[in-house]
Protein backbone atom coordinates (compact mmCIF):
# COMPACT_ATOMS: atom_id res chain seq x y z
CA MET A 1 26.46 5.18 18.31
CA GLY A 2 26.46 5.41 14.52
CA TYR A 3 29.09 2.70 14.26
CA PHE A 4 27.24 0.58 16.84
CA SER A 5 24.05 0.86 14.78
CA ASP A 6 26.02 -0.31 11.74
CA ILE A 7 27.08 -3.48 13.59
CA VAL A 8 23.52 -4.11 14.79
CA GLY A 9 22.29 -3.78 11.22
CA GLN A 10 24.88 -6.27 9.96
CA THR A 11 23.94 -8.69 12.72
CA CYS A 12 20.25 -8.47 11.80
CA GLY A 13 21.09 -9.01 8.14
CA VAL A 14 23.11 -12.16 8.80
CA GLY A 15 20.49 -13.41 11.26
CA VAL A 16 17.70 -13.04 8.70
CA THR A 17 19.79 -14.77 6.05
CA ARG A 18 20.51 -17.62 8.46
CA ALA A 19 16.79 -18.04 9.14
CA LEU A 20 16.07 -18.30 5.41
CA VAL A 21 18.76 -20.85 4.52
CA ASP A 22 16.21 -23.64 4.02
CA THR A 23 13.64 -21.44 2.27
CA ASP A 24 13.16 -22.03 -1.45
CA SER A 25 10.70 -19.22 -2.17
CA GLU A 26 11.39 -15.74 -3.55
CA TRP A 27 11.39 -14.38 0.02
CA VAL A 28 14.97 -15.59 0.35
CA TYR A 29 16.08 -12.36 -1.31
CA ARG A 30 12.94 -10.23 -0.95
CA LEU A 31 12.80 -10.23 2.86
CA PRO A 32 16.42 -9.10 3.51
CA PHE A 33 15.94 -6.19 1.08
CA ALA A 34 12.54 -5.29 2.54
CA LEU A 35 13.88 -5.19 6.10
CA GLN A 36 16.38 -2.51 5.10
CA TRP A 37 13.53 -0.03 4.83
CA VAL A 38 13.00 -0.30 8.59
CA PHE A 39 16.47 1.12 9.22
CA ILE A 40 16.08 3.74 6.48
CA THR A 41 12.88 5.01 8.11
CA ALA A 42 14.55 5.17 11.54
CA ILE A 43 17.56 7.03 10.14
CA LEU A 44 15.44 9.56 8.23
CA THR A 45 13.35 10.21 11.34
CA GLY A 46 16.48 10.79 13.40
CA VAL A 47 17.98 13.15 10.82
CA LEU A 48 14.79 15.21 10.57
CA CYS A 49 14.59 15.55 14.36
CA ALA A 50 18.31 16.24 14.90
CA PRO A 51 19.44 19.82 15.59
CA GLN A 52 21.78 21.68 13.26
CA SER A 53 25.51 21.35 13.93
CA PRO A 54 26.61 24.07 16.39
CA TRP A 55 30.02 24.24 14.70
CA TRP A 56 28.42 24.91 11.33
CA LEU A 57 26.29 27.66 12.87
CA ILE A 58 29.39 29.22 14.44
CA ARG A 59 31.13 29.24 11.04
CA GLN A 60 28.02 30.91 9.60
CA ASP A 61 28.27 33.61 12.30
CA GLN A 62 25.04 32.51 14.01
CA PRO A 63 26.10 32.16 17.68
CA ASP A 64 22.52 32.51 18.99
CA ASP A 65 21.33 29.59 16.89
CA ALA A 66 24.42 27.63 17.92
CA ARG A 67 23.50 28.24 21.56
CA LYS A 68 19.97 26.92 20.98
CA SER A 69 21.34 23.86 19.24
CA LEU A 70 23.76 23.19 22.09
CA LEU A 71 20.95 23.42 24.64
CA ARG A 72 19.27 20.53 22.82
CA LEU A 73 22.49 18.49 22.69
CA THR A 74 23.79 19.00 26.23
CA SER A 75 22.43 17.54 29.45
CA LYS A 76 20.10 19.58 31.61
CA GLY A 77 22.74 19.84 34.33
CA THR A 78 24.98 21.92 32.07
CA GLY A 79 22.81 25.01 32.42
CA ALA A 80 22.61 28.14 30.29
CA LEU A 81 25.83 29.57 31.77
CA GLY A 82 27.80 26.47 30.82
CA VAL A 83 26.43 26.59 27.28
CA ASP A 84 27.40 30.26 26.97
CA GLU A 85 30.98 29.38 27.90
CA ILE A 86 31.01 26.59 25.33
CA VAL A 87 29.80 28.98 22.62
CA LYS A 88 32.53 31.47 23.52
CA MET A 89 35.17 28.73 23.29
CA MET A 90 33.77 27.58 19.95
CA LYS A 91 33.90 31.12 18.56
CA HIS A 92 37.49 31.52 19.75
CA THR A 93 38.49 28.15 18.30
CA ASN A 94 36.91 29.10 14.98
CA GLU A 95 38.86 32.36 14.90
CA VAL A 96 42.12 30.59 15.68
CA ASP A 97 41.51 28.01 12.93
CA LYS A 98 40.55 30.80 10.57
CA TYR A 99 43.78 32.64 11.32
CA TYR A 100 46.07 29.68 10.75
CA GLY A 101 44.05 28.51 7.74
CA ASN A 102 44.03 31.94 6.11
CA GLY A 103 40.25 32.04 6.51
CA LYS A 104 39.72 29.57 3.64
CA ILE A 105 37.60 26.42 3.67
CA THR A 106 38.71 24.63 0.50
CA TYR A 107 39.84 21.13 -0.39
CA LEU A 108 43.20 22.48 -1.50
CA ASN A 109 43.71 24.15 1.87
CA ARG A 110 43.75 20.72 3.55
CA PHE A 111 47.16 20.06 2.02
CA ARG A 112 48.74 23.32 3.12
CA GLY A 113 50.54 24.30 6.27
CA VAL A 114 49.35 22.82 9.54
CA ASP A 115 46.37 21.05 7.97
CA ARG A 116 48.60 18.84 5.80
CA ARG A 117 49.58 16.72 8.80
CA ARG A 118 46.02 16.57 10.07
CA THR A 119 44.83 15.34 6.67
CA GLU A 120 47.57 12.70 6.64
CA ILE A 121 46.49 11.34 10.02
CA THR A 122 42.80 11.30 9.10
CA THR A 123 43.33 9.44 5.81
CA MET A 124 45.79 6.98 7.33
CA VAL A 125 43.39 6.15 10.18
CA TRP A 126 40.72 5.31 7.61
CA ALA A 127 43.13 3.29 5.47
CA THR A 128 44.43 1.35 8.48
CA GLN A 129 40.92 0.04 9.09
CA GLN A 130 41.09 -1.75 5.76
CA VAL A 131 44.67 -3.02 5.55
CA CYS A 132 44.86 -4.40 9.11
CA GLY A 133 43.18 -7.65 8.10
CA SER A 134 39.58 -6.73 8.91
CA THR A 135 38.71 -7.60 5.31
CA LEU A 136 39.06 -11.29 6.24
CA THR A 137 36.06 -11.00 8.56
CA PHE A 138 33.84 -10.10 5.59
CA TYR A 139 34.70 -13.49 4.07
CA ALA A 140 33.95 -15.48 7.21
CA LEU A 141 31.25 -17.59 5.54
CA PRO A 142 33.38 -18.99 2.69
CA VAL A 143 36.26 -19.54 5.10
CA TYR A 144 34.05 -21.60 7.41
CA VAL A 145 32.68 -23.61 4.49
CA GLN A 146 36.20 -24.24 3.13
CA SER A 147 37.18 -25.43 6.60
CA GLY A 148 34.54 -28.16 6.41
CA ALA A 149 31.57 -26.55 8.17
CA GLN A 150 28.05 -27.13 6.88
CA VAL A 151 26.18 -24.15 5.44
CA HIS A 152 23.86 -23.97 8.48
CA ASP A 153 26.80 -24.05 10.87
CA ALA A 154 28.71 -21.46 8.83
CA PHE A 155 25.81 -19.02 9.06
CA SER A 156 25.42 -19.74 12.78
CA LEU A 157 29.10 -18.97 13.32
CA ALA A 158 28.69 -15.75 11.34
CA VAL A 159 25.77 -14.70 13.56
CA GLY A 160 27.89 -15.48 16.61
CA MET A 161 30.75 -13.45 15.15
CA TYR A 162 28.55 -10.37 14.80
CA GLY A 163 27.22 -10.96 18.31
CA VAL A 164 30.82 -10.81 19.50
CA SER A 165 31.18 -7.55 17.53
CA ILE A 166 28.33 -5.96 19.49
CA CYS A 167 29.79 -7.03 22.84
CA ALA A 168 33.29 -5.87 21.83
CA ASN A 169 31.96 -2.49 20.74
CA ILE A 170 30.25 -1.99 24.11
CA ILE A 171 33.50 -2.91 25.89
CA CYS A 172 35.23 -0.24 23.82
CA TRP A 173 32.95 2.44 25.30
CA PHE A 174 34.42 1.80 28.74
CA LEU A 175 38.01 1.23 27.62
CA LEU A 176 38.09 4.65 25.97
CA GLN A 177 37.74 6.31 29.36
CA TRP A 178 40.80 4.49 30.74
CA VAL A 179 43.04 3.73 27.78
CA GLY A 180 42.46 6.54 25.29
CA ARG A 181 42.33 6.58 21.51
CA ARG A 182 45.99 6.13 20.65
CA ARG A 183 46.66 3.06 22.81
CA LEU A 184 43.50 1.30 21.67
CA PHE A 185 44.30 2.00 18.05
CA LEU A 186 47.87 0.76 18.48
CA SER A 187 46.70 -2.42 20.19
CA GLY A 188 44.38 -3.07 17.27
CA CYS A 189 47.38 -2.94 14.94
CA ASP A 190 48.97 -5.91 16.70
CA PRO A 191 49.78 -8.34 13.86
CA GLY A 192 49.67 -11.28 16.25
CA THR A 193 45.88 -11.23 16.28
CA LEU A 194 45.78 -12.10 12.58
CA GLY A 195 46.98 -15.61 13.23
CA SER A 196 43.95 -16.26 15.43
CA LEU A 197 40.46 -17.37 14.52
CA ILE A 198 38.31 -14.94 12.58
CA ILE A 199 36.02 -14.50 15.59
CA ALA A 200 39.00 -13.49 17.73
CA LEU A 201 40.12 -11.06 15.04
CA THR A 202 36.62 -9.61 14.95
CA ALA A 203 36.61 -9.12 18.73
CA VAL A 204 39.94 -7.29 18.66
CA TYR A 205 38.96 -5.12 15.70
CA GLN A 206 35.57 -4.14 17.14
CA THR A 207 37.16 -3.25 20.49
CA THR A 208 39.90 -1.11 18.98
CA LEU A 209 40.33 -0.06 15.36
CA GLY A 210 36.69 -0.21 14.32
CA PRO A 211 35.03 2.30 16.66
CA VAL A 212 38.13 4.33 17.63
CA ALA A 213 38.79 5.36 14.03
CA TYR A 214 35.44 7.17 13.90
CA MET A 215 36.47 9.30 16.88
CA LEU A 216 39.95 10.11 15.62
CA VAL A 217 38.83 11.26 12.19
CA VAL A 218 36.56 13.95 13.69
CA GLU A 219 38.91 15.04 16.48
CA ILE A 220 42.10 15.43 14.43
CA PRO A 221 40.98 17.81 11.60
CA SER A 222 40.48 21.51 12.24
CA THR A 223 36.90 22.55 12.97
CA ARG A 224 36.66 24.57 9.75
CA LEU A 225 38.00 21.84 7.47
CA ARG A 226 36.57 18.82 9.28
CA VAL A 227 33.85 17.94 6.78
CA LYS A 228 36.15 18.17 3.76
CA THR A 229 38.99 16.31 5.51
CA VAL A 230 36.72 13.47 6.62
CA GLY A 231 35.18 13.34 3.14
CA VAL A 232 38.52 12.96 1.37
CA GLY A 233 39.66 10.49 4.04
CA ARG A 234 36.57 8.42 3.36
CA VAL A 235 37.41 8.40 -0.35
CA VAL A 236 40.81 6.94 0.55
CA TYR A 237 39.01 4.39 2.74
CA ASN A 238 36.77 3.30 -0.15
CA ILE A 239 39.67 3.02 -2.59
CA THR A 240 41.62 0.95 -0.07
CA SER A 241 38.53 -1.17 0.51
CA ILE A 242 38.24 -1.97 -3.19
CA ILE A 243 41.90 -3.01 -3.31
CA THR A 244 41.84 -5.18 -0.16
CA ASN A 245 38.55 -6.86 -1.04
CA THR A 246 39.82 -7.66 -4.52
CA LEU A 247 42.99 -9.16 -3.09
CA ALA A 248 41.18 -11.06 -0.34
CA SER A 249 38.70 -12.61 -2.77
CA GLY A 250 41.60 -13.93 -4.85
CA MET A 251 43.44 -15.20 -1.79
CA LEU A 252 40.47 -17.10 -0.38
CA SER A 253 38.89 -18.33 -3.61
CA PRO A 254 39.64 -22.03 -4.30
CA THR A 255 39.54 -21.30 -8.03
CA ALA A 256 42.00 -18.39 -7.83
CA TRP A 257 45.09 -18.16 -5.59
CA ASN A 258 43.62 -20.43 -2.90
CA TRP A 259 45.90 -19.16 -0.13
CA LYS A 260 43.38 -20.15 2.58
CA ARG A 261 44.84 -19.46 6.05
CA LYS A 262 48.07 -18.17 4.52
CA SER A 263 46.12 -15.06 3.52
CA SER A 264 46.65 -13.72 7.01
CA PHE A 265 50.41 -13.46 6.43
CA PHE A 266 49.84 -10.83 3.74
CA PHE A 267 47.90 -8.68 6.18
CA VAL A 268 50.53 -9.23 8.86
CA GLY A 269 52.94 -7.27 6.67
CA THR A 270 50.52 -4.40 6.03
CA THR A 271 49.54 -4.31 9.70
CA ILE A 272 53.18 -3.99 10.79
CA LEU A 273 53.56 -0.98 8.47
CA CYS A 274 50.43 0.58 9.99
CA LEU A 275 51.71 -0.11 13.50
CA MET A 276 54.96 1.71 12.74
CA TRP A 277 53.10 4.69 11.30
CA CYS A 278 50.70 4.86 14.25
CA TYR A 279 53.51 4.74 16.80
CA PHE A 280 55.36 7.71 15.33
CA ARG A 281 52.57 9.78 13.78
CA LEU A 282 49.27 9.18 15.59
CA PRO A 283 48.69 11.58 18.54
CA GLU A 284 46.37 11.13 21.53
CA PRO A 285 43.53 13.71 21.36
CA TYR A 286 41.53 12.31 24.27
CA GLY A 287 40.93 14.88 27.00
CA LEU A 288 41.97 17.84 24.83
CA SER A 289 39.68 20.51 23.41
CA TYR A 290 39.66 21.31 19.70
CA LEU A 291 41.50 24.53 20.50
CA GLU A 292 44.25 22.71 22.39
CA ILE A 293 44.59 20.13 19.62
CA GLY A 294 44.87 22.91 17.07
CA ILE A 295 47.58 24.70 19.07
CA LEU A 296 49.62 21.49 19.36
CA PHE A 297 49.47 21.01 15.60
CA VAL A 298 50.48 24.63 15.04
CA LYS A 299 53.47 24.10 17.36
CA ARG A 300 54.29 20.96 15.32
CA ALA A 301 54.29 18.88 18.48
CA LYS A 302 55.31 15.24 18.12
CA ALA A 303 52.70 12.56 18.71
CA ALA A 304 54.07 11.73 22.16
CA LYS A 305 53.81 15.39 23.27
CA PHE A 306 50.01 15.35 23.06
CA ARG A 307 49.76 12.99 26.03
CA VAL A 308 52.39 14.96 27.97
CA PHE A 309 50.45 18.17 27.37
CA ARG A 310 47.23 16.58 28.66
CA ARG A 311 48.98 15.33 31.79
CA ASN A 312 50.36 18.83 32.45
CA LEU A 313 46.83 20.23 32.11
CA GLU A 314 45.52 17.70 34.64
CA LYS A 315 48.27 18.55 37.12
CA SER A 316 47.63 22.28 36.76
CA GLY A 317 43.94 21.78 37.46
């Protein structure tokens, strides 16, 4: 839902800007900035009302508080007995991760032993979001204008593009139950989509790579090192974002390289590299508990073995 809220916010921002295209007053820039406080207030309210992370409480040896937090996060049908079983599994998972991680929660520990591979997957998932060509969607407005569209029409197309993003993200919610993380992510790395219109690229990205990445980066790391692994992965994401945005601005600028539509060919190459990495290195965590995922990493199971293991679990009941 966090990623969905991000898309809704972007859509509102573009919609407000479109409505103010013909306005000559100072509200052209004041109103978009002022409206951001609405989202900030909603986010702060949600954070203040949200319960503490049960996993953090387990790591702090506070199982009773973790149980209370879980009761707030789970549905009423789960019941106290079901929550007790979840707490026991969380405690056991924490002990297993502690054993294989030598009991340490440090940034350096993410590059040692089993956690090295988990860090690699997390950072590459983040980086793939940037080098797959999604950067081109951020430059939709200048691309439309360069193609001959009027400013009003360019903004209208941008609003429509973000509307497609919302619909595609909702579709992803249902596809995840049938397709899984790995297949959706791989399909998003299809370089053929880059030769399409920007709106089509947006639809593919928002159905696959965009939302799925946020699930993978929290499911792959160990429970004890998750925050640090995601944090470093996000740093890699930001660095990659700076590089791709710098390159894309030069490619699309008529006063710089002026590659225009040929810009997509550059991202075809980077997307193919990501597709190869995903095929051989990205596992399928859907349907597996954190404990089962951790055991598979300890056993150094290949990416394909994760799906086989889940199927065996389903057959065994």
